[in-house]
């Protein structure tokens, strides 16, 4: 394994991978598949191959690759320490390749079926082959708040796995999924599963829709048994919350029609518990503390009032009155008077001194006619909105809800749909109604025709702004 050229002063070693016989002038390179062993070219046996020629040793090495994973052995006559380092490096390379493969984040592309019983088995499919061949993935599902893990998980292919949901999804609720595979966890999917029933049973208070979803009965309806296809309406005067199994009576001063929720009574009306409608308080009564209370003497009220109004001066009333009565002509009374006995006669006397007899004579002055009053020493006609009985010294304003023309001896209550405006009874215009003796604008969601005493609610699927009336700003 040495050689020399002519005239050489010494012999040189053959290069790695070549040999020579004694007294050779050159070296011979070993044939393919052979390597220098014990100084001669020897063919590599089965399971071995010739490594790249090394620059650090005079002899070639043969690397033996065993088929078991990660087992690589170097055989050499020289530098065994370097071979050990090669083994360690090879293991790290394999580990890096394994991590590179496992680093793919599993992405859920579909979930089947898309709905079913709460404890259904689902099949989750991933993009590509993210499951690989290493172990069984974990399937996690969430409703946005609670997170759970599927049971009975089985990998059925390199890109799909099955698992069973726990019985913890409410009917109608949906969940999304994510998968942990090879140590990597993906994001929650856009694919969802919606629970239709709980273990195949839709409980009381719910019903099964045409698509199989178990859905709460709406407010005002109930179901008393499981797995029904429709809910039953509550009777008029009753209602229920959504998803319940029994109806309850509407509270006092509320009402309901069949299958609806309880609504409060309008102002000036009341109802008892379990009512299907409300009753307007009669004239002479008013809603006080949730019930129709009698107006006391000296007060009055119109039908549907919320307060009793005190009678004005020169009028009076008994209890449960719908109006106040004027005092007799020539008499007067203070506000809130309770009977005709409260009215005092108004007579004007003048004492004349007659000279020379010095006799004092009482003389009755003329009593001012009805509709006039003594003002600045003369009879003056009362203006519209005021009145005066015969013998009055002043013109008195009409009680709210009453009106008079100029020169009137009494006031007249305004008819239905009319109220006092500028001292006279004037019909309320469209969009307004009579309330407490005045024309009041209807609120949004209601409308009124001219001369209305109440505002009417807009019907279903319509609306109105404040002050609406039927033929202009109607409920559309």
Foldseek 3Di string as FASTA:
>chain_A
DWADAPPDPDIGDAAEQWADDPHHHHTGHADAQWFQDPRDTDHDDPQKHWDDADPPDRGTKIKGDDPPPLDTAIDDPDDNVVRVVVSVVSSVVVVVVLCVLQVDAWAWDEKPPQEEAQFAKIKTFTPDQNQPDPDFKWKWKDLVPDIDTFDPWDDPGSTMIMGTHDLPAAFQGKIWMWIQHSNHIHDTHPRIHGYQYRVPKQAWQWEQEPVRTTGGAAKQWTGQGIHHHHTHGAAWQWIGHTSDHDIAGAAKQWTDHTSDDIDGADQQWIGHTSHNHTGHAAWQWAQDPRDTHGAAWQWTDHISAHDTHGAAKQWTDHISHHHTHGAAFQWIAHISHRDNVRTGHAWDWDWDQDPPVRDTDIDTDAWAAWQWAQDPNDTDGAAKQWTHGTRHHDTGGHDQQWIGHISHNHTHGADQQWADDPRDTDHAAWQWADYSRDTHGAAKQWTGHIRHHDTHGDDPPWIFHISHYPPDRHTD
